[in-house]
């Protein structure tokens, strides 16, 4: 008699029953993938968040399989998680890296508890590593104005595009991933704003300054010319606003969308050629956006809305005040300082 193979169910690995079966307990890796599916399909997590969580959680699952083979997820204790963090330190990882791993594990355990895969959340008993407080090094207003204004002066591979990129990053304070995700239709010329899709697919409108709008119009003109076919055929069409230099992918049905890695290289090259340090990256311009707005008297909650932060405490970390500015505020406002 021929043995009949049992095929795995094609349904979602998420166990919707209130009690996990004692006969077939889902493996740790399966529950990790189930959580990642929830993050993607239900919570709209970004590609970068999914990539980071996948790396951290599968790393934890692999460690459990190696050190505690056969351990059920309901049997994972806080001591296991602390031991894993210790392993990360032994590998030479920083406290910040360990904190990111713990954040992913905590998110997973919260979902496990809500889905009734565990009775107690062991991750809630593990404290976050104490991180040193580093203020981001932000170039001055004069320095960044010089860098953005000179983006057309030989430092760019596609000057009009790269000028528009610098204007958008510093003038709008958007994230690198938000910039590359922009479509042509996201520009609302009548309202002088752009529609930005932030983390968790949350949308917000951000004003576009006159200089940024001017740079965008100049770039879009060149963009249209490059998409036009030289041999009289129908021009290429793509919704992506910012395109790669060689328009790679268009002939195969792709969008030729510029990548975040390419934007990082563009920003770094222009910044270094204009005398800034080599650690400048797209997020530096976002830091500068918030910091310079605050220096010029903008309300912190308005900056929060512009940056798309869910919590005001996050905005406070993205901005910094110099001692001279704090002293000026104190002298101007405190009754004993007058």
C-alpha atoms as a PDB file:
ATOM      1  CA  UNK A   1       0.000   0.000   0.000  1.00  0.00           C
ATOM      2  CA  UNK A   2       1.354   3.373  -0.959  1.00  0.00           C
ATOM      3  CA  UNK A   3       1.887   5.770   1.900  1.00  0.00           C
ATOM      4  CA  UNK A   4      -0.070   8.972   1.589  1.00  0.00           C
ATOM      5  CA  UNK A   5       1.953  12.106   2.210  1.00  0.00           C
ATOM      6  CA  UNK A   6       0.337  14.765   4.333  1.00  0.00           C
ATOM      7  CA  UNK A   7       0.543  18.160   2.686  1.00  0.00           C
ATOM      8  CA  UNK A   8       0.782  21.293   4.845  1.00  0.00           C
ATOM      9  CA  UNK A   9      -2.298  23.454   4.938  1.00  0.00           C
ATOM     10  CA  UNK A  10      -2.318  26.374   2.533  1.00  0.00           C
ATOM     11  CA  UNK A  11      -4.082  28.659   4.942  1.00  0.00           C
ATOM     12  CA  UNK A  12      -2.351  31.395   6.935  1.00  0.00           C
ATOM     13  CA  UNK A  13       0.045  30.108   9.614  1.00  0.00           C
ATOM     14  CA  UNK A  14      -1.695  32.349  12.127  1.00  0.00           C
ATOM     15  CA  UNK A  15      -3.563  30.257  14.680  1.00  0.00           C
ATOM     16  CA  UNK A  16      -6.900  31.947  15.262  1.00  0.00           C
ATOM     17  CA  UNK A  17      -7.985  29.579  18.042  1.00  0.00           C
ATOM     18  CA  UNK A  18      -7.760  30.915  21.605  1.00  0.00           C
ATOM     19  CA  UNK A  19      -5.669  27.954  22.778  1.00  0.00           C
ATOM     20  CA  UNK A  20      -2.653  26.530  20.973  1.00  0.00           C
ATOM     21  CA  UNK A  21      -3.017  22.846  20.221  1.00  0.00           C
ATOM     22  CA  UNK A  22      -0.903  20.550  22.410  1.00  0.00           C
ATOM     23  CA  UNK A  23      -0.565  18.111  19.510  1.00  0.00           C
ATOM     24  CA  UNK A  24       0.871  20.410  16.853  1.00  0.00           C
ATOM     25  CA  UNK A  25       2.661  23.399  18.324  1.00  0.00           C
ATOM     26  CA  UNK A  26       3.786  25.827  15.617  1.00  0.00           C
ATOM     27  CA  UNK A  27       7.530  26.148  15.277  1.00  0.00           C
ATOM     28  CA  UNK A  28       9.156  29.425  16.237  1.00  0.00           C
ATOM     29  CA  UNK A  29      10.130  30.247  12.647  1.00  0.00           C
ATOM     30  CA  UNK A  30       6.553  29.721  11.443  1.00  0.00           C
ATOM     31  CA  UNK A  31       5.231  32.168  14.024  1.00  0.00           C
ATOM     32  CA  UNK A  32       7.913  34.660  13.043  1.00  0.00           C
ATOM     33  CA  UNK A  33       6.755  34.489   9.419  1.00  0.00           C
ATOM     34  CA  UNK A  34       3.138  34.807  10.540  1.00  0.00           C
ATOM     35  CA  UNK A  35       3.961  37.997  12.426  1.00  0.00           C
ATOM     36  CA  UNK A  36       5.859  39.416   9.453  1.00  0.00           C
ATOM     37  CA  UNK A  37       2.811  38.711   7.299  1.00  0.00           C
ATOM     38  CA  UNK A  38       0.640  40.683   9.723  1.00  0.00           C
ATOM     39  CA  UNK A  39       3.099  43.587   9.657  1.00  0.00           C
ATOM     40  CA  UNK A  40       3.012  43.650   5.870  1.00  0.00           C
ATOM     41  CA  UNK A  41      -0.616  42.869   5.054  1.00  0.00           C
ATOM     42  CA  UNK A  42      -2.478  44.428   7.971  1.00  0.00           C
ATOM     43  CA  UNK A  43      -0.256  47.152   9.389  1.00  0.00           C
ATOM     44  CA  UNK A  44       1.335  48.403   6.175  1.00  0.00           C
ATOM     45  CA  UNK A  45       4.905  48.271   7.469  1.00  0.00           C
ATOM     46  CA  UNK A  46       7.517  49.672   5.121  1.00  0.00           C
ATOM     47  CA  UNK A  47       9.919  47.495   3.165  1.00  0.00           C
ATOM     48  CA  UNK A  48      12.768  48.684   5.380  1.00  0.00           C
ATOM     49  CA  UNK A  49      10.904  47.813   8.585  1.00  0.00           C
ATOM     50  CA  UNK A  50      10.018  44.365   7.259  1.00  0.00           C
ATOM     51  CA  UNK A  51      13.607  43.730   6.210  1.00  0.00           C
ATOM     52  CA  UNK A  52      14.925  44.749   9.630  1.00  0.00           C
ATOM     53  CA  UNK A  53      12.338  42.746  11.582  1.00  0.00           C
ATOM     54  CA  UNK A  54      12.885  39.701   9.386  1.00  0.00           C
ATOM     55  CA  UNK A  55      16.623  39.852  10.005  1.00  0.00           C
ATOM     56  CA  UNK A  56      16.316  40.323  13.768  1.00  0.00           C
ATOM     57  CA  UNK A  57      13.562  37.768  14.394  1.00  0.00           C
ATOM     58  CA  UNK A  58      14.997  35.036  12.197  1.00  0.00           C
ATOM     59  CA  UNK A  59      18.328  35.630  13.907  1.00  0.00           C
ATOM     60  CA  UNK A  60      16.642  35.064  17.263  1.00  0.00           C
ATOM     61  CA  UNK A  61      14.812  31.978  15.952  1.00  0.00           C
ATOM     62  CA  UNK A  62      18.064  30.521  14.604  1.00  0.00           C
ATOM     63  CA  UNK A  63      19.767  31.112  17.944  1.00  0.00           C
ATOM     64  CA  UNK A  64      16.934  29.342  19.765  1.00  0.00           C
ATOM     65  CA  UNK A  65      17.116  26.407  17.355  1.00  0.00           C
ATOM     66  CA  UNK A  66      20.861  26.129  17.963  1.00  0.00           C
ATOM     67  CA  UNK A  67      20.938  26.624  21.730  1.00  0.00           C
ATOM     68  CA  UNK A  68      17.513  25.346  22.779  1.00  0.00           C
ATOM     69  CA  UNK A  69      16.476  22.884  20.116  1.00  0.00           C
ATOM     70  CA  UNK A  70      12.785  22.005  20.247  1.00  0.00           C
ATOM     71  CA  UNK A  71      11.892  24.827  22.622  1.00  0.00           C
ATOM     72  CA  UNK A  72       8.259  25.793  22.190  1.00  0.00           C
ATOM     73  CA  UNK A  73       7.415  29.455  21.861  1.00  0.00           C
ATOM     74  CA  UNK A  74       5.252  29.297  24.980  1.00  0.00           C
ATOM     75  CA  UNK A  75       8.322  28.150  26.921  1.00  0.00           C
ATOM     76  CA  UNK A  76      10.543  31.073  25.939  1.00  0.00           C
ATOM     77  CA  UNK A  77      11.470  33.036  29.056  1.00  0.00           C
ATOM     78  CA  UNK A  78      13.031  36.434  29.637  1.00  0.00           C
ATOM     79  CA  UNK A  79      16.302  34.707  30.518  1.00  0.00           C
ATOM     80  CA  UNK A  80      16.472  33.303  26.976  1.00  0.00           C
ATOM     81  CA  UNK A  81      16.033  36.777  25.496  1.00  0.00           C
ATOM     82  CA  UNK A  82      18.673  38.273  27.799  1.00  0.00           C
ATOM     83  CA  UNK A  83      21.052  35.476  26.898  1.00  0.00           C
ATOM     84  CA  UNK A  84      20.495  36.177  23.203  1.00  0.00           C
ATOM     85  CA  UNK A  85      21.255  39.874  23.700  1.00  0.00           C
ATOM     86  CA  UNK A  86      24.449  38.821  25.457  1.00  0.00           C
ATOM     87  CA  UNK A  87      25.358  36.788  22.383  1.00  0.00           C
ATOM     88  CA  UNK A  88      24.907  39.895  20.234  1.00  0.00           C
ATOM     89  CA  UNK A  89      27.301  41.810  22.479  1.00  0.00           C
ATOM     90  CA  UNK A  90      29.807  38.966  22.208  1.00  0.00           C
ATOM     91  CA  UNK A  91      29.653  39.312  18.425  1.00  0.00           C
ATOM     92  CA  UNK A  92      30.723  42.933  18.792  1.00  0.00           C
ATOM     93  CA  UNK A  93      27.331  44.523  18.134  1.00  0.00           C
ATOM     94  CA  UNK A  94      26.619  47.888  19.723  1.00  0.00           C
ATOM     95  CA  UNK A  95      23.957  48.649  22.312  1.00  0.00           C
ATOM     96  CA  UNK A  96      21.950  50.353  19.578  1.00  0.00           C
ATOM     97  CA  UNK A  97      21.977  47.152  17.497  1.00  0.00           C
ATOM     98  CA  UNK A  98      20.935  45.087  20.500  1.00  0.00           C
ATOM     99  CA  UNK A  99      18.140  47.575  21.229  1.00  0.00           C
ATOM    100  CA  UNK A 100      16.849  47.221  17.651  1.00  0.00           C
ATOM    101  CA  UNK A 101      16.829  43.440  18.013  1.00  0.00           C
ATOM    102  CA  UNK A 102      14.967  43.702  21.313  1.00  0.00           C
ATOM    103  CA  UNK A 103      12.401  46.066  19.778  1.00  0.00           C
ATOM    104  CA  UNK A 104      11.632  43.501  17.080  1.00  0.00           C
ATOM    105  CA  UNK A 105      11.371  40.699  19.641  1.00  0.00           C
ATOM    106  CA  UNK A 106       9.060  42.795  21.817  1.00  0.00           C
ATOM    107  CA  UNK A 107       6.778  43.516  18.887  1.00  0.00           C
ATOM    108  CA  UNK A 108       6.642  39.836  18.048  1.00  0.00           C
ATOM    109  CA  UNK A 109       5.829  38.869  21.647  1.00  0.00           C
ATOM    110  CA  UNK A 110       3.025  41.420  21.845  1.00  0.00           C
ATOM    111  CA  UNK A 111       1.480  39.845  18.769  1.00  0.00           C
ATOM    112  CA  UNK A 112       2.015  36.330  20.191  1.00  0.00           C
ATOM    113  CA  UNK A 113       0.118  37.326  23.319  1.00  0.00           C
ATOM    114  CA  UNK A 114      -2.749  38.895  21.362  1.00  0.00           C
ATOM    115  CA  UNK A 115      -2.987  35.813  19.138  1.00  0.00           C
ATOM    116  CA  UNK A 116      -3.066  33.560  22.243  1.00  0.00           C
ATOM    117  CA  UNK A 117       0.146  31.736  21.356  1.00  0.00           C
ATOM    118  CA  UNK A 118       1.602  32.606  24.762  1.00  0.00           C
ATOM    119  CA  UNK A 119       0.076  33.338  28.155  1.00  0.00           C
ATOM    120  CA  UNK A 120       2.798  35.682  29.448  1.00  0.00           C
ATOM    121  CA  UNK A 121       4.895  38.212  27.571  1.00  0.00           C
ATOM    122  CA  UNK A 122       8.467  37.332  28.522  1.00  0.00           C
ATOM    123  CA  UNK A 123       9.916  40.155  26.436  1.00  0.00           C
ATOM    124  CA  UNK A 124       8.225  42.771  28.632  1.00  0.00           C
ATOM    125  CA  UNK A 125      10.559  41.747  31.458  1.00  0.00           C
ATOM    126  CA  UNK A 126      13.697  42.606  29.490  1.00  0.00           C
ATOM    127  CA  UNK A 127      14.879  46.192  29.855  1.00  0.00           C
ATOM    128  CA  UNK A 128      16.165  48.166  26.897  1.00  0.00           C
ATOM    129  CA  UNK A 129      19.950  48.717  26.858  1.00  0.00           C
ATOM    130  CA  UNK A 130      20.790  52.219  28.031  1.00  0.00           C
ATOM    131  CA  UNK A 131      21.953  54.119  24.978  1.00  0.00           C
ATOM    132  CA  UNK A 132      24.269  57.124  24.965  1.00  0.00           C
ATOM    133  CA  UNK A 133      22.464  60.294  23.934  1.00  0.00           C
ATOM    134  CA  UNK A 134      24.107  61.647  20.806  1.00  0.00           C
ATOM    135  CA  UNK A 135      22.791  64.814  19.231  1.00  0.00           C
ATOM    136  CA  UNK A 136      22.916  64.553  15.458  1.00  0.00           C
ATOM    137  CA  UNK A 137      25.589  66.710  13.901  1.00  0.00           C
ATOM    138  CA  UNK A 138      23.668  69.168  11.785  1.00  0.00           C
ATOM    139  CA  UNK A 139      25.300  71.572   9.320  1.00  0.00           C
ATOM    140  CA  UNK A 140      24.482  75.228   9.745  1.00  0.00           C
ATOM    141  CA  UNK A 141      21.873  77.033   7.661  1.00  0.00           C
ATOM    142  CA  UNK A 142      24.634  78.758   5.704  1.00  0.00           C
ATOM    143  CA  UNK A 143      26.458  75.486   5.020  1.00  0.00           C
ATOM    144  CA  UNK A 144      23.372  73.694   3.737  1.00  0.00           C
ATOM    145  CA  UNK A 145      22.243  76.632   1.650  1.00  0.00           C
ATOM    146  CA  UNK A 146      25.655  76.599   0.004  1.00  0.00           C
ATOM    147  CA  UNK A 147      25.467  72.856  -0.649  1.00  0.00           C
ATOM    148  CA  UNK A 148      21.921  72.927  -2.055  1.00  0.00           C
ATOM    149  CA  UNK A 149      22.541  76.007  -4.174  1.00  0.00           C
ATOM    150  CA  UNK A 150      25.688  74.465  -5.694  1.00  0.00           C
ATOM    151  CA  UNK A 151      24.138  71.111  -6.618  1.00  0.00           C
ATOM    152  CA  UNK A 152      24.168  72.171 -10.281  1.00  0.00           C
ATOM    153  CA  UNK A 153      27.855  73.110 -10.314  1.00  0.00           C
ATOM    154  CA  UNK A 154      29.564  69.962 -11.557  1.00  0.00           C
ATOM    155  CA  UNK A 155      29.004  67.815  -8.466  1.00  0.00           C
ATOM    156  CA  UNK A 156      25.989  65.947  -9.848  1.00  0.00           C
ATOM    157  CA  UNK A 157      25.626  63.176 -12.429  1.00  0.00           C
ATOM    158  CA  UNK A 158      22.182  64.513 -13.431  1.00  0.00           C
ATOM    159  CA  UNK A 159      22.307  68.108 -12.171  1.00  0.00           C
ATOM    160  CA  UNK A 160      18.623  69.017 -12.524  1.00  0.00           C
ATOM    161  CA  UNK A 161      17.491  65.806 -10.807  1.00  0.00           C
ATOM    162  CA  UNK A 162      20.072  65.995  -8.036  1.00  0.00           C
ATOM    163  CA  UNK A 163      19.285  69.643  -7.393  1.00  0.00           C
ATOM    164  CA  UNK A 164      15.617  68.733  -6.992  1.00  0.00           C
ATOM    165  CA  UNK A 165      16.558  65.880  -4.643  1.00  0.00           C
ATOM    166  CA  UNK A 166      18.582  68.168  -2.388  1.00  0.00           C
ATOM    167  CA  UNK A 167      15.822  70.783  -2.395  1.00  0.00           C
ATOM    168  CA  UNK A 168      13.185  68.203  -1.449  1.00  0.00           C
ATOM    169  CA  UNK A 169      15.219  66.541   1.303  1.00  0.00           C
ATOM    170  CA  UNK A 170      16.196  69.791   2.991  1.00  0.00           C
ATOM    171  CA  UNK A 171      13.226  71.934   1.976  1.00  0.00           C
ATOM    172  CA  UNK A 172      10.543  69.374   2.869  1.00  0.00           C
ATOM    173  CA  UNK A 173      12.294  67.274   5.532  1.00  0.00           C
ATOM    174  CA  UNK A 174      11.056  64.001   4.049  1.00  0.00           C
ATOM    175  CA  UNK A 175      12.712  60.641   4.568  1.00  0.00           C
ATOM    176  CA  UNK A 176      14.869  59.034   1.906  1.00  0.00           C
ATOM    177  CA  UNK A 177      12.305  56.252   1.380  1.00  0.00           C
ATOM    178  CA  UNK A 178       9.508  58.816   1.158  1.00  0.00           C
ATOM    179  CA  UNK A 179      11.443  60.718  -1.501  1.00  0.00           C
ATOM    180  CA  UNK A 180      12.052  57.690  -3.708  1.00  0.00           C
ATOM    181  CA  UNK A 181       8.420  56.583  -3.317  1.00  0.00           C
ATOM    182  CA  UNK A 182       7.082  59.860  -4.706  1.00  0.00           C
ATOM    183  CA  UNK A 183       5.101  59.683  -7.928  1.00  0.00           C
ATOM    184  CA  UNK A 184       4.630  62.475 -10.404  1.00  0.00           C
ATOM    185  CA  UNK A 185       0.956  62.707  -9.413  1.00  0.00           C
ATOM    186  CA  UNK A 186       1.903  63.292  -5.778  1.00  0.00           C
ATOM    187  CA  UNK A 187       2.867  66.866  -6.612  1.00  0.00           C
ATOM    188  CA  UNK A 188      -0.119  69.149  -5.994  1.00  0.00           C
ATOM    189  CA  UNK A 189       0.936  72.290  -7.793  1.00  0.00           C
ATOM    190  CA  UNK A 190      -2.236  74.222  -7.001  1.00  0.00           C
ATOM    191  CA  UNK A 191      -1.767  73.700  -3.262  1.00  0.00           C
ATOM    192  CA  UNK A 192       2.030  74.040  -3.408  1.00  0.00           C
ATOM    193  CA  UNK A 193       2.383  70.742  -1.570  1.00  0.00           C
ATOM    194  CA  UNK A 194       3.345  67.121  -2.048  1.00  0.00           C
ATOM    195  CA  UNK A 195       1.555  64.022  -0.817  1.00  0.00           C
ATOM    196  CA  UNK A 196       3.986  61.973   1.260  1.00  0.00           C
ATOM    197  CA  UNK A 197       3.436  58.355   2.288  1.00  0.00           C
ATOM    198  CA  UNK A 198       5.232  57.813   5.560  1.00  0.00           C
ATOM    199  CA  UNK A 199       5.771  54.897   7.883  1.00  0.00           C
ATOM    200  CA  UNK A 200       2.834  52.559   8.180  1.00  0.00           C
ATOM    201  CA  UNK A 201       1.425  54.004   4.930  1.00  0.00           C
ATOM    202  CA  UNK A 202       0.351  57.127   6.807  1.00  0.00           C
ATOM    203  CA  UNK A 203      -0.150  60.053   4.458  1.00  0.00           C
ATOM    204  CA  UNK A 204       0.561  63.720   5.020  1.00  0.00           C
ATOM    205  CA  UNK A 205       0.864  66.855   2.928  1.00  0.00           C
ATOM    206  CA  UNK A 206       4.109  68.803   3.079  1.00  0.00           C
ATOM    207  CA  UNK A 207       4.495  72.328   1.673  1.00  0.00           C
ATOM    208  CA  UNK A 208       6.899  72.818  -1.232  1.00  0.00           C
ATOM    209  CA  UNK A 209       8.972  76.005  -1.096  1.00  0.00           C
ATOM    210  CA  UNK A 210       9.381  78.205  -4.138  1.00  0.00           C
ATOM    211  CA  UNK A 211      12.998  77.121  -4.683  1.00  0.00           C
ATOM    212  CA  UNK A 212      12.029  73.444  -4.452  1.00  0.00           C
ATOM    213  CA  UNK A 213       9.109  73.964  -6.852  1.00  0.00           C
ATOM    214  CA  UNK A 214      11.411  75.707  -9.318  1.00  0.00           C
ATOM    215  CA  UNK A 215      13.918  72.852  -9.110  1.00  0.00           C
ATOM    216  CA  UNK A 216      11.138  70.289  -9.574  1.00  0.00           C
ATOM    217  CA  UNK A 217       9.797  72.007 -12.692  1.00  0.00           C
ATOM    218  CA  UNK A 218      13.270  72.162 -14.244  1.00  0.00           C
ATOM    219  CA  UNK A 219      13.892  68.481 -13.483  1.00  0.00           C
ATOM    220  CA  UNK A 220      10.465  67.330 -14.738  1.00  0.00           C
ATOM    221  CA  UNK A 221      11.130  69.072 -18.048  1.00  0.00           C
ATOM    222  CA  UNK A 222      14.364  67.087 -18.473  1.00  0.00           C
ATOM    223  CA  UNK A 223      12.632  63.948 -17.192  1.00  0.00           C
ATOM    224  CA  UNK A 224      10.010  64.192 -19.934  1.00  0.00           C
ATOM    225  CA  UNK A 225      12.696  64.718 -22.573  1.00  0.00           C
ATOM    226  CA  UNK A 226      14.619  61.639 -21.454  1.00  0.00           C
ATOM    227  CA  UNK A 227      11.509  59.483 -21.484  1.00  0.00           C
ATOM    228  CA  UNK A 228      10.686  60.537 -25.035  1.00  0.00           C
ATOM    229  CA  UNK A 229      11.831  57.918 -27.555  1.00  0.00           C
ATOM    230  CA  UNK A 230      14.501  59.081 -30.019  1.00  0.00           C
ATOM    231  CA  UNK A 231      13.174  56.999 -32.916  1.00  0.00           C
ATOM    232  CA  UNK A 232       9.675  58.429 -32.924  1.00  0.00           C
ATOM    233  CA  UNK A 233       8.119  55.546 -31.011  1.00  0.00           C
ATOM    234  CA  UNK A 234       5.711  56.052 -28.153  1.00  0.00           C
ATOM    235  CA  UNK A 235       7.497  57.661 -25.183  1.00  0.00           C
ATOM    236  CA  UNK A 236       8.165  55.578 -22.099  1.00  0.00           C
ATOM    237  CA  UNK A 237       5.803  56.117 -19.222  1.00  0.00           C
ATOM    238  CA  UNK A 238       6.470  55.677 -15.514  1.00  0.00           C
ATOM    239  CA  UNK A 239       4.716  57.066 -12.431  1.00  0.00           C
ATOM    240  CA  UNK A 240       7.993  57.426 -10.502  1.00  0.00           C
ATOM    241  CA  UNK A 241       9.066  61.011  -9.930  1.00  0.00           C
ATOM    242  CA  UNK A 242      12.790  60.483  -9.450  1.00  0.00           C
ATOM    243  CA  UNK A 243      14.380  58.202 -12.052  1.00  0.00           C
ATOM    244  CA  UNK A 244      17.750  56.492 -12.223  1.00  0.00           C
ATOM    245  CA  UNK A 245      20.321  57.944 -14.584  1.00  0.00           C
ATOM    246  CA  UNK A 246      20.228  55.161 -17.188  1.00  0.00           C
ATOM    247  CA  UNK A 247      16.456  54.610 -16.939  1.00  0.00           C
ATOM    248  CA  UNK A 248      17.178  50.982 -16.092  1.00  0.00           C
ATOM    249  CA  UNK A 249      14.158  48.725 -16.057  1.00  0.00           C
ATOM    250  CA  UNK A 250      11.882  50.729 -18.333  1.00  0.00           C
ATOM    251  CA  UNK A 251      12.264  48.436 -21.339  1.00  0.00           C
ATOM    252  CA  UNK A 252      11.326  45.456 -19.172  1.00  0.00           C
ATOM    253  CA  UNK A 253       8.204  47.091 -17.822  1.00  0.00           C
ATOM    254  CA  UNK A 254       9.805  48.543 -14.699  1.00  0.00           C
ATOM    255  CA  UNK A 255       9.527  52.079 -13.354  1.00  0.00           C
ATOM    256  CA  UNK A 256      13.223  53.102 -13.387  1.00  0.00           C
ATOM    257  CA  UNK A 257      12.628  54.450  -9.885  1.00  0.00           C
ATOM    258  CA  UNK A 258      15.694  55.817  -8.113  1.00  0.00           C
ATOM    259  CA  UNK A 259      16.767  53.730  -5.103  1.00  0.00           C
ATOM    260  CA  UNK A 260      17.435  54.969  -1.586  1.00  0.00           C
ATOM    261  CA  UNK A 261      21.010  53.745  -1.881  1.00  0.00           C
ATOM    262  CA  UNK A 262      21.533  55.890  -4.967  1.00  0.00           C
ATOM    263  CA  UNK A 263      20.081  58.919  -3.191  1.00  0.00           C
ATOM    264  CA  UNK A 264      22.539  58.335  -0.353  1.00  0.00           C
ATOM    265  CA  UNK A 265      25.450  58.324  -2.780  1.00  0.00           C
ATOM    266  CA  UNK A 266      24.190  61.478  -4.504  1.00  0.00           C
ATOM    267  CA  UNK A 267      23.848  63.405  -1.240  1.00  0.00           C
ATOM    268  CA  UNK A 268      27.215  62.258   0.093  1.00  0.00           C
ATOM    269  CA  UNK A 269      29.074  63.123  -3.112  1.00  0.00           C
ATOM    270  CA  UNK A 270      27.625  66.629  -3.327  1.00  0.00           C
ATOM    271  CA  UNK A 271      28.155  67.291   0.384  1.00  0.00           C
ATOM    272  CA  UNK A 272      31.790  66.164   0.382  1.00  0.00           C
ATOM    273  CA  UNK A 273      32.624  68.211  -2.705  1.00  0.00           C
ATOM    274  CA  UNK A 274      31.179  71.246  -0.918  1.00  0.00           C
ATOM    275  CA  UNK A 275      33.282  70.804   2.201  1.00  0.00           C
ATOM    276  CA  UNK A 276      30.966  68.905   4.548  1.00  0.00           C
ATOM    277  CA  UNK A 277      32.003  65.809   6.485  1.00  0.00           C
ATOM    278  CA  UNK A 278      31.813  62.351   4.956  1.00  0.00           C
ATOM    279  CA  UNK A 279      29.105  61.211   7.390  1.00  0.00           C
ATOM    280  CA  UNK A 280      26.456  63.401   5.722  1.00  0.00           C
ATOM    281  CA  UNK A 281      23.542  61.339   4.423  1.00  0.00           C
ATOM    282  CA  UNK A 282      19.912  62.017   3.427  1.00  0.00           C
ATOM    283  CA  UNK A 283      18.723  61.832   7.031  1.00  0.00           C
ATOM    284  CA  UNK A 284      21.185  64.597   7.908  1.00  0.00           C
ATOM    285  CA  UNK A 285      19.120  66.929   5.766  1.00  0.00           C
ATOM    286  CA  UNK A 286      15.970  65.791   7.594  1.00  0.00           C
ATOM    287  CA  UNK A 287      17.646  66.531  10.935  1.00  0.00           C
ATOM    288  CA  UNK A 288      18.669  69.922   9.591  1.00  0.00           C
ATOM    289  CA  UNK A 289      15.124  70.647   8.402  1.00  0.00           C
ATOM    290  CA  UNK A 290      13.702  70.208  11.899  1.00  0.00           C
ATOM    291  CA  UNK A 291      16.597  71.879  13.696  1.00  0.00           C
ATOM    292  CA  UNK A 292      16.665  74.950  11.479  1.00  0.00           C
ATOM    293  CA  UNK A 293      12.890  75.375  11.708  1.00  0.00           C
ATOM    294  CA  UNK A 294      13.185  75.301  15.486  1.00  0.00           C
ATOM    295  CA  UNK A 295      16.062  77.768  15.421  1.00  0.00           C
ATOM    296  CA  UNK A 296      13.925  80.163  13.410  1.00  0.00           C
ATOM    297  CA  UNK A 297      11.067  79.979  15.911  1.00  0.00           C
ATOM    298  CA  UNK A 298       8.772  77.278  14.508  1.00  0.00           C
ATOM    299  CA  UNK A 299       6.456  75.506  16.937  1.00  0.00           C
ATOM    300  CA  UNK A 300       7.601  72.018  17.890  1.00  0.00           C
ATOM    301  CA  UNK A 301       4.189  70.507  17.175  1.00  0.00           C
ATOM    302  CA  UNK A 302       4.146  72.044  13.720  1.00  0.00           C
ATOM    303  CA  UNK A 303       7.546  70.482  13.081  1.00  0.00           C
ATOM    304  CA  UNK A 304       6.127  67.176  14.320  1.00  0.00           C
ATOM    305  CA  UNK A 305       3.378  67.332  11.712  1.00  0.00           C
ATOM    306  CA  UNK A 306       5.783  68.262   8.929  1.00  0.00           C
ATOM    307  CA  UNK A 307       8.164  65.431   9.803  1.00  0.00           C
ATOM    308  CA  UNK A 308       5.323  62.938  10.184  1.00  0.00           C
ATOM    309  CA  UNK A 309       6.231  61.842  13.697  1.00  0.00           C
ATOM    310  CA  UNK A 310       3.624  59.991  15.714  1.00  0.00           C
ATOM    311  CA  UNK A 311       5.149  61.103  19.026  1.00  0.00           C
ATOM    312  CA  UNK A 312       6.394  64.542  19.992  1.00  0.00           C
ATOM    313  CA  UNK A 313       9.300  62.931  21.850  1.00  0.00           C
ATOM    314  CA  UNK A 314      10.613  61.649  18.509  1.00  0.00           C
ATOM    315  CA  UNK A 315      10.585  65.174  17.110  1.00  0.00           C
ATOM    316  CA  UNK A 316      12.548  66.390  20.112  1.00  0.00           C
ATOM    317  CA  UNK A 317      15.280  63.882  19.332  1.00  0.00           C
ATOM    318  CA  UNK A 318      15.458  65.067  15.740  1.00  0.00           C
ATOM    319  CA  UNK A 319      16.036  68.659  16.754  1.00  0.00           C
ATOM    320  CA  UNK A 320      18.723  70.327  18.792  1.00  0.00           C
ATOM    321  CA  UNK A 321      19.238  73.714  20.408  1.00  0.00           C
ATOM    322  CA  UNK A 322      22.601  75.313  21.010  1.00  0.00           C
ATOM    323  CA  UNK A 323      23.542  76.635  24.423  1.00  0.00           C
ATOM    324  CA  UNK A 324      23.444  80.171  23.070  1.00  0.00           C
ATOM    325  CA  UNK A 325      19.875  79.674  21.861  1.00  0.00           C
ATOM    326  CA  UNK A 326      18.769  78.241  25.198  1.00  0.00           C
ATOM    327  CA  UNK A 327      20.380  81.169  26.993  1.00  0.00           C
ATOM    328  CA  UNK A 328      18.622  83.620  24.675  1.00  0.00           C
ATOM    329  CA  UNK A 329      15.257  81.979  25.319  1.00  0.00           C
ATOM    330  CA  UNK A 330      15.897  82.036  29.073  1.00  0.00           C
ATOM    331  CA  UNK A 331      16.934  85.710  29.058  1.00  0.00           C
ATOM    332  CA  UNK A 332      13.892  86.629  27.001  1.00  0.00           C
ATOM    333  CA  UNK A 333      11.247  84.659  28.922  1.00  0.00           C
ATOM    334  CA  UNK A 334      12.213  84.018  32.547  1.00  0.00           C
ATOM    335  CA  UNK A 335      11.142  86.765  34.946  1.00  0.00           C
ATOM    336  CA  UNK A 336      14.305  86.456  37.069  1.00  0.00           C
ATOM    337  CA  UNK A 337      16.518  86.878  34.021  1.00  0.00           C
ATOM    338  CA  UNK A 338      15.192  90.344  33.155  1.00  0.00           C
END
